[in-house]
Amino acid sequence: MAHLIEPPIEPMLAKLTDALPPGDDWLFEPKWDGFRAIVFRDGDTVYTQSRDLRPLDRYFPELQGPLREGLPHRAVVDGEIVIAGPQGLDFDALQLRLHPAASRVAMLSKKIPASFVAFDLLAEGDSDLRARPQRERRALLELALRDARPPIHLTPATTDRQLAEDWFHRFEGAGLDGVIARKLDGTYQPGRRALLKVKHARTADCVVAGFRWHKNGPGTLVGSLLLGLYDDAGELHHLGVTSSFTMAKRRELAETLAPYRRDALTNHPWREWATRDQSQSTRRPGMTSRWNADKDLSWEPLRIELVCEVGYDHLQGSRFRHTTTFRRWRPDKPPSACRYDQLATTPPIELAALFAGGQDRPT
């Protein structure tokens, strides 16, 4: 029998906002930091697609059995594939699963198994539910997953704004990066930004320890600035990049950085990165990408004299989870003052408790 909704379909997307929306007609959920996945189940057949409409099943074979057992016999469910580690959700571990070798995927599926978190029900049995309001889809999803067991989970949801505000701050330590707001009377709109995504917005002062050339202008256009912070032992770690520049600004940066390139490697804290063991704990910018060996990570060192302020939304472990936004240069601040202890951190909560609690069916 064919799927009631044939894959692939575009997922419903979210618009970024800086605060919970006003009004009482919203359903709030934690924003999971994983791979968006829409699961199509028809009896023993399970097909999982990614946000960009590609198949995901070969990368997460350990989910096939639980999805057959935990989802309705015939259903389409929107959700997120995540991996939970000791410090919360581990997006790096998730990225490692996108590997061409089936043997490595099989090994990782046993060593770092994934979970599926469901947050919307698009179809069940012979009913296409996309035109039904969110409050009805949520009630049907709770009923459909009433017997689901780990690694299949139902995301917590609430209509209580105070609880949603609490989630926004408390869940960050577990690796979640904000709150999703859904209109209670809203329909499922594939490909449209019909949801709201409330994310953390913070700033940090970072050492600019190097840069990479832009792929379209090596020698003339700067692609990204390499950012560093000092730990308590005084060692400079690479924690991400900033690359939000216009083409004109990239050309200007090449001129601005030129004086700082002279003799930069002589006393550079990362000068030994190419010959040291890559399993070391200190993060350095020239290491081979763990999931894209062909990616060019070559970089140009700069003397440790420049500081800039960047905007970021989420810290994962010792690095920025996403590319940061350049705000301004900080000539008033010495590089030695750029330390990890300036960053806001939240103690991680138990993911098991998060998976199990907080479910509040909207009225």
Protein backbone atom coordinates (compact mmCIF):
# COMPACT_ATOMS: atom_id res chain seq x y z
CA MET A 1 0.00 0.00 0.00
CA ALA A 2 1.34 3.46 -0.85
CA HIS A 3 1.90 6.08 1.84
CA LEU A 4 -1.07 8.36 2.40
CA ILE A 5 1.41 11.24 1.98
CA GLU A 6 4.15 10.28 -0.45
CA PRO A 7 7.72 11.27 0.50
CA PRO A 8 9.51 13.49 0.26
CA ILE A 9 7.65 16.55 1.53
CA GLU A 10 9.03 19.85 2.74
CA PRO A 11 8.88 20.30 6.51
CA MET A 12 7.18 23.29 8.07
CA LEU A 13 9.84 25.84 9.06
CA ALA A 14 10.31 28.55 11.67
CA LYS A 15 11.03 32.28 11.74
CA LEU A 16 13.56 33.57 14.26
CA THR A 17 12.38 35.92 17.01
CA ASP A 18 13.92 37.21 20.23
CA ALA A 19 11.00 36.71 22.64
CA LEU A 20 7.98 34.52 23.23
CA PRO A 21 5.03 35.84 21.18
CA PRO A 22 2.18 37.60 23.02
CA GLY A 23 -1.26 36.06 23.41
CA ASP A 24 -2.75 32.87 24.77
CA ASP A 25 -3.15 30.91 21.54
CA TRP A 26 0.32 29.35 21.42
CA LEU A 27 1.76 25.90 22.08
CA PHE A 28 5.38 25.99 23.27
CA GLU A 29 8.00 23.24 22.91
CA PRO A 30 11.75 22.95 23.53
CA LYS A 31 13.80 23.42 20.35
CA TRP A 32 15.80 20.25 19.79
CA ASP A 33 19.35 20.51 18.41
CA GLY A 34 19.50 17.58 16.01
CA PHE A 35 18.59 16.47 12.49
CA ARG A 36 15.06 17.32 11.37
CA ALA A 37 13.38 14.11 10.25
CA ILE A 38 9.96 13.21 8.86
CA VAL A 39 9.16 9.51 9.31
CA PHE A 40 6.77 7.66 6.98
CA ARG A 41 5.58 4.31 8.34
CA ASP A 42 3.39 1.87 6.43
CA GLY A 43 3.32 -1.48 8.18
CA ASP A 44 6.85 -2.92 8.17
CA THR A 45 8.11 -0.19 5.83
CA VAL A 46 9.77 2.82 7.42
CA TYR A 47 11.22 5.69 5.41
CA THR A 48 12.90 8.68 7.06
CA GLN A 49 13.68 11.89 5.19
CA SER A 50 15.83 14.86 6.14
CA ARG A 51 15.02 18.56 6.06
CA ASP A 52 16.61 18.77 2.60
CA LEU A 53 14.40 15.90 1.35
CA ARG A 54 17.10 13.21 1.40
CA PRO A 55 16.83 9.71 2.92
CA LEU A 56 18.30 9.26 6.40
CA ASP A 57 17.63 5.62 7.27
CA ARG A 58 21.06 4.24 6.27
CA TYR A 59 22.74 6.54 8.81
CA PHE A 60 20.52 5.53 11.75
CA PRO A 61 19.78 1.80 11.40
CA GLU A 62 19.18 1.44 15.14
CA LEU A 63 15.96 3.47 14.83
CA GLN A 64 14.24 1.21 12.30
CA GLY A 65 12.95 -1.32 14.84
CA PRO A 66 11.87 1.21 17.48
CA LEU A 67 10.06 3.32 14.86
CA ARG A 68 8.10 0.27 13.68
CA GLU A 69 7.22 -0.57 17.26
CA GLY A 70 6.54 2.94 18.56
CA LEU A 71 4.66 4.64 15.71
CA PRO A 72 1.13 3.86 14.49
CA HIS A 73 0.84 1.15 11.83
CA ARG A 74 0.31 3.78 9.13
CA ALA A 75 1.46 7.30 9.93
CA VAL A 76 3.64 10.29 9.01
CA VAL A 77 5.41 11.92 11.97
CA ASP A 78 7.56 15.06 12.04
CA GLY A 79 10.36 15.20 14.57
CA GLU A 80 14.08 15.36 15.29
CA ILE A 81 16.85 12.77 15.47
CA VAL A 82 19.16 13.51 18.41
CA ILE A 83 22.03 11.89 20.28
CA ALA A 84 22.24 12.37 24.05
CA GLY A 85 25.68 12.39 25.68
CA PRO A 86 26.88 12.91 29.27
CA GLN A 87 26.63 16.71 28.89
CA GLY A 88 23.33 16.80 26.99
CA LEU A 89 22.60 16.67 23.28
CA ASP A 90 25.72 16.01 21.21
CA PHE A 91 25.49 17.46 17.71
CA ASP A 92 29.11 16.52 16.93
CA ALA A 93 28.27 12.86 17.51
CA LEU A 94 25.27 13.25 15.23
CA GLN A 95 27.46 14.67 12.46
CA LEU A 96 29.78 11.67 12.72
CA ARG A 97 26.92 9.43 11.59
CA LEU A 98 26.89 10.97 8.09
CA HIS A 99 29.62 8.63 6.93
CA PRO A 100 29.81 6.79 3.58
CA ALA A 101 31.09 3.52 5.12
CA ALA A 102 28.25 1.28 6.30
CA SER A 103 30.60 -0.51 8.71
CA ARG A 104 31.44 2.72 10.49
CA VAL A 105 27.76 3.72 10.68
CA ALA A 106 26.96 0.31 12.17
CA MET A 107 29.72 0.67 14.75
CA LEU A 108 28.63 4.17 15.75
CA SER A 109 24.96 3.12 15.94
CA LYS A 110 25.94 0.73 18.74
CA LYS A 111 28.45 3.03 20.43
CA ILE A 112 26.42 6.28 20.30
CA PRO A 113 22.80 5.32 19.50
CA ALA A 114 20.34 7.99 18.41
CA SER A 115 16.82 8.83 19.57
CA PHE A 116 13.80 10.20 17.73
CA VAL A 117 11.75 13.00 19.31
CA ALA A 118 8.29 13.43 17.74
CA PHE A 119 6.56 16.81 17.70
CA ASP A 120 3.86 16.68 15.00
CA LEU A 121 1.52 14.16 13.40
CA LEU A 122 0.88 14.75 9.70
CA ALA A 123 -1.13 11.62 8.91
CA GLU A 124 -2.52 8.55 10.63
CA GLY A 125 -4.40 5.61 9.11
CA ASP A 126 -6.37 6.96 6.15
CA SER A 127 -6.48 10.55 7.50
CA ASP A 128 -4.30 13.40 6.21
CA LEU A 129 -4.08 15.67 9.26
CA ARG A 130 -2.17 18.61 7.78
CA ALA A 131 -5.31 20.75 7.47
CA ARG A 132 -6.34 20.05 11.08
CA PRO A 133 -5.43 22.65 13.76
CA GLN A 134 -2.30 22.18 15.87
CA ARG A 135 -4.28 21.52 19.07
CA GLU A 136 -5.97 18.52 17.42
CA ARG A 137 -2.75 17.21 15.90
CA ARG A 138 -1.02 17.43 19.29
CA ALA A 139 -3.83 15.52 21.03
CA LEU A 140 -3.72 12.83 18.34
CA LEU A 141 0.08 12.64 18.56
CA GLU A 142 -0.07 12.10 22.32
CA LEU A 143 -2.62 9.33 21.79
CA ALA A 144 -0.57 7.75 18.99
CA LEU A 145 2.63 7.67 21.09
CA ARG A 146 1.04 6.68 24.38
CA ASP A 147 2.87 3.33 24.32
CA ALA A 148 6.16 4.54 22.80
CA ARG A 149 9.37 3.64 24.61
CA PRO A 150 12.92 4.99 24.32
CA PRO A 151 14.53 5.72 21.95
CA ILE A 152 11.19 7.10 20.65
CA HIS A 153 10.00 10.14 22.60
CA LEU A 154 7.20 12.69 22.56
CA THR A 155 8.46 16.24 22.96
CA PRO A 156 7.19 18.15 26.00
CA ALA A 157 4.66 20.85 25.14
CA THR A 158 2.78 23.46 27.13
CA THR A 159 0.42 26.42 26.78
CA ASP A 160 1.81 27.91 30.01
CA ARG A 161 3.98 30.94 29.12
CA GLN A 162 5.72 30.93 32.51
CA LEU A 163 6.74 27.30 32.05
CA ALA A 164 7.92 28.04 28.50
CA GLU A 165 10.11 30.88 29.83
CA ASP A 166 11.54 28.47 32.37
CA TRP A 167 12.31 25.95 29.61
CA PHE A 168 14.01 28.66 27.56
CA HIS A 169 16.63 29.14 30.28
CA ARG A 170 16.74 25.75 32.01
CA PHE A 171 16.86 23.44 29.00
CA GLU A 172 19.84 25.18 27.40
CA GLY A 173 22.27 23.27 29.58
CA ALA A 174 20.99 20.03 28.08
CA GLY A 175 21.93 21.17 24.58
CA LEU A 176 18.56 22.53 23.49
CA ASP A 177 18.85 25.92 21.87
CA GLY A 178 15.56 27.71 22.45
CA VAL A 179 11.78 27.35 22.31
CA ILE A 180 9.43 26.72 19.38
CA ALA A 181 6.02 28.45 19.37
CA ARG A 182 3.13 27.00 17.35
CA LYS A 183 -0.29 28.57 16.77
CA LEU A 184 -2.88 26.33 18.40
CA ASP A 185 -5.25 26.82 15.47
CA GLY A 186 -2.45 26.63 12.87
CA THR A 187 -2.38 24.03 10.11
CA TYR A 188 0.72 22.16 8.91
CA GLN A 189 2.21 24.22 6.07
CA PRO A 190 5.05 22.42 4.24
CA GLY A 191 7.92 24.69 3.24
CA ARG A 192 6.48 27.78 4.91
CA ARG A 193 7.89 29.55 7.97
CA ALA A 194 4.70 29.22 9.98
CA LEU A 195 6.40 28.58 13.34
CA LEU A 196 8.35 30.91 15.63
CA LYS A 197 11.80 30.04 16.97
CA VAL A 198 12.96 31.87 20.10
CA LYS A 199 16.73 31.54 20.55
CA HIS A 200 19.33 32.86 22.95
CA ALA A 201 21.32 35.91 21.81
CA ARG A 202 24.59 36.70 23.56
CA THR A 203 27.93 38.40 22.87
CA ALA A 204 31.52 37.44 23.59
CA ASP A 205 34.90 39.15 23.20
CA CYS A 206 37.29 36.82 21.37
CA VAL A 207 40.90 36.75 20.25
CA VAL A 208 41.24 36.90 16.45
CA ALA A 209 44.08 34.38 16.09
CA GLY A 210 43.92 33.79 12.33
CA PHE A 211 41.73 33.76 9.27
CA ARG A 212 40.83 31.76 6.17
CA TRP A 213 40.76 33.11 2.63
CA HIS A 214 37.43 33.25 0.81
CA LYS A 215 37.06 30.50 -1.79
CA ASN A 216 36.40 33.11 -4.48
CA GLY A 217 39.33 35.35 -3.65
CA PRO A 218 42.41 33.75 -2.07
CA GLY A 219 44.90 36.50 -1.33
CA THR A 220 42.34 39.29 -1.72
CA LEU A 221 39.14 38.35 0.18
CA VAL A 222 38.90 37.14 3.78
CA GLY A 223 36.43 34.27 4.24
CA SER A 224 36.29 33.98 8.02
CA LEU A 225 38.07 35.05 11.19
CA LEU A 226 39.27 32.33 13.56
CA LEU A 227 38.24 32.97 17.15
CA GLY A 228 39.98 31.94 20.33
CA LEU A 229 39.43 32.03 24.09
CA TYR A 230 41.82 31.28 26.94
CA ASP A 231 41.07 28.58 29.51
CA ASP A 232 41.99 28.73 33.20
CA ALA A 233 45.45 27.34 32.43
CA GLY A 234 46.18 30.14 29.98
CA GLU A 235 45.94 28.00 26.83
CA LEU A 236 44.24 29.50 23.78
CA HIS A 237 41.52 27.30 22.27
CA HIS A 238 39.86 27.65 18.87
CA LEU A 239 36.12 27.79 19.49
CA GLY A 240 34.65 28.87 16.16
CA VAL A 241 34.65 31.44 13.37
CA THR A 242 32.84 34.57 12.31
CA SER A 243 32.12 35.08 8.63
CA SER A 244 29.16 37.47 8.33
CA PHE A 245 30.82 39.93 5.93
CA THR A 246 29.89 41.60 2.66
CA MET A 247 32.27 41.17 -0.26
CA ALA A 248 33.45 44.76 0.19
CA LYS A 249 34.16 44.10 3.87
CA ARG A 250 36.07 40.90 2.98
CA ARG A 251 38.37 42.91 0.73
CA GLU A 252 38.82 45.57 3.40
CA LEU A 253 39.65 42.91 6.00
CA ALA A 254 42.46 41.57 3.81
CA GLU A 255 44.10 45.00 4.04
CA THR A 256 43.30 45.45 7.74
CA LEU A 257 44.86 42.12 8.71
CA ALA A 258 47.97 42.40 6.53
CA PRO A 259 50.20 44.05 9.18
CA TYR A 260 49.28 41.39 11.75
CA ARG A 261 50.42 38.56 9.46
CA ARG A 262 54.10 39.55 9.69
CA ASP A 263 56.03 37.13 11.93
CA ALA A 264 52.70 35.82 13.20
CA LEU A 265 53.77 32.18 13.46
CA THR A 266 56.94 32.87 15.47
CA ASN A 267 55.25 32.87 18.87
CA HIS A 268 51.79 31.74 17.85
CA PRO A 269 50.08 29.43 20.39
CA TRP A 270 48.78 27.24 17.56
CA ARG A 271 52.06 26.94 15.64
CA GLU A 272 52.50 23.29 16.62
CA TRP A 273 49.00 22.15 15.61
CA ALA A 274 50.07 20.34 12.43
CA THR A 275 52.50 18.00 14.23
CA ARG A 276 50.63 17.33 17.44
CA ASP A 277 48.26 14.48 18.20
CA GLN A 278 44.78 15.42 16.99
CA SER A 279 43.20 13.60 19.92
CA GLN A 280 44.41 16.33 22.27
CA SER A 281 41.82 18.31 24.21
CA THR A 282 42.88 21.73 22.91
CA ARG A 283 40.86 22.76 19.87
CA ARG A 284 42.89 24.03 16.92
CA PRO A 285 41.71 25.34 13.57
CA GLY A 286 43.77 23.27 11.14
CA MET A 287 42.63 19.82 12.15
CA THR A 288 41.00 17.57 9.58
CA SER A 289 37.23 17.86 9.57
CA ARG A 290 35.79 14.76 11.21
CA TRP A 291 32.90 14.50 8.74
CA ASN A 292 34.32 16.11 5.59
CA ALA A 293 37.93 15.08 4.95
CA ASP A 294 38.03 17.08 1.70
CA LYS A 295 37.09 20.38 3.30
CA ASP A 296 39.87 22.96 3.10
CA LEU A 297 40.70 24.00 6.66
CA SER A 298 43.98 25.75 5.85
CA TRP A 299 44.41 29.04 7.66
CA GLU A 300 46.64 32.08 8.00
CA PRO A 301 47.96 32.94 11.49
CA LEU A 302 47.77 36.44 12.97
CA ARG A 303 49.78 37.90 15.82
CA ILE A 304 47.78 37.62 19.04
CA GLU A 305 46.90 41.32 19.23
CA LEU A 306 43.35 41.67 17.87
CA VAL A 307 40.07 41.32 19.78
CA CYS A 308 36.56 41.45 18.36
CA GLU A 309 33.06 41.19 19.78
CA VAL A 310 30.78 38.58 18.22
CA GLY A 311 27.16 37.59 18.69
CA TYR A 312 26.38 33.94 19.38
CA ASP A 313 23.33 31.94 20.35
CA HIS A 314 24.55 28.67 21.80
CA LEU A 315 27.69 27.22 23.34
CA GLN A 316 28.17 23.47 22.93
CA GLY A 317 30.90 22.23 25.22
CA SER A 318 33.91 24.45 24.54
CA ARG A 319 32.87 25.86 21.17
CA PHE A 320 30.19 27.90 19.45
CA ARG A 321 27.48 25.64 18.04
CA HIS A 322 26.78 27.95 15.06
CA THR A 323 28.77 30.53 13.12
CA THR A 324 28.89 33.78 15.05
CA THR A 325 28.02 37.31 13.90
CA PHE A 326 30.77 39.94 13.85
CA ARG A 327 29.75 43.00 15.90
CA ARG A 328 32.81 45.25 16.23
CA TRP A 329 36.52 45.44 16.93
CA ARG A 330 37.53 45.85 20.59
CA PRO A 331 40.84 47.81 20.59
CA ASP A 332 40.20 48.66 24.24
CA LYS A 333 40.45 45.06 25.38
CA PRO A 334 43.67 42.98 25.65
CA PRO A 335 43.64 39.44 24.22
CA SER A 336 44.52 38.03 27.65
CA ALA A 337 41.11 39.16 28.91
CA CYS A 338 39.28 36.94 26.39
CA ARG A 339 38.52 33.96 28.60
CA TYR A 340 35.90 31.24 28.78
CA ASP A 341 34.66 32.51 32.12
CA GLN A 342 32.93 35.44 30.38
CA LEU A 343 30.47 33.08 28.69
CA ALA A 344 27.06 32.37 30.17
CA THR A 345 26.64 28.70 30.93
CA THR A 346 23.75 26.67 32.29
CA PRO A 347 24.21 23.39 34.18
CA PRO A 348 22.84 20.49 32.13
CA ILE A 349 19.62 18.85 33.25
CA GLU A 350 18.90 15.16 32.95
CA LEU A 351 17.62 14.43 29.44
CA ALA A 352 15.73 11.43 30.76
CA ALA A 353 13.68 13.73 32.96
CA LEU A 354 13.12 16.09 30.05
CA PHE A 355 11.91 13.27 27.80
CA ALA A 356 9.52 12.06 30.47
CA GLY A 357 8.07 15.30 31.79
CA GLY A 358 6.46 18.57 30.86
CA GLN A 359 3.73 17.23 28.58
CA ASP A 360 0.66 19.40 28.89
CA ARG A 361 -2.10 18.87 26.39
CA PRO A 362 -3.52 22.24 25.26
CA THR A 363 -7.14 22.95 26.03
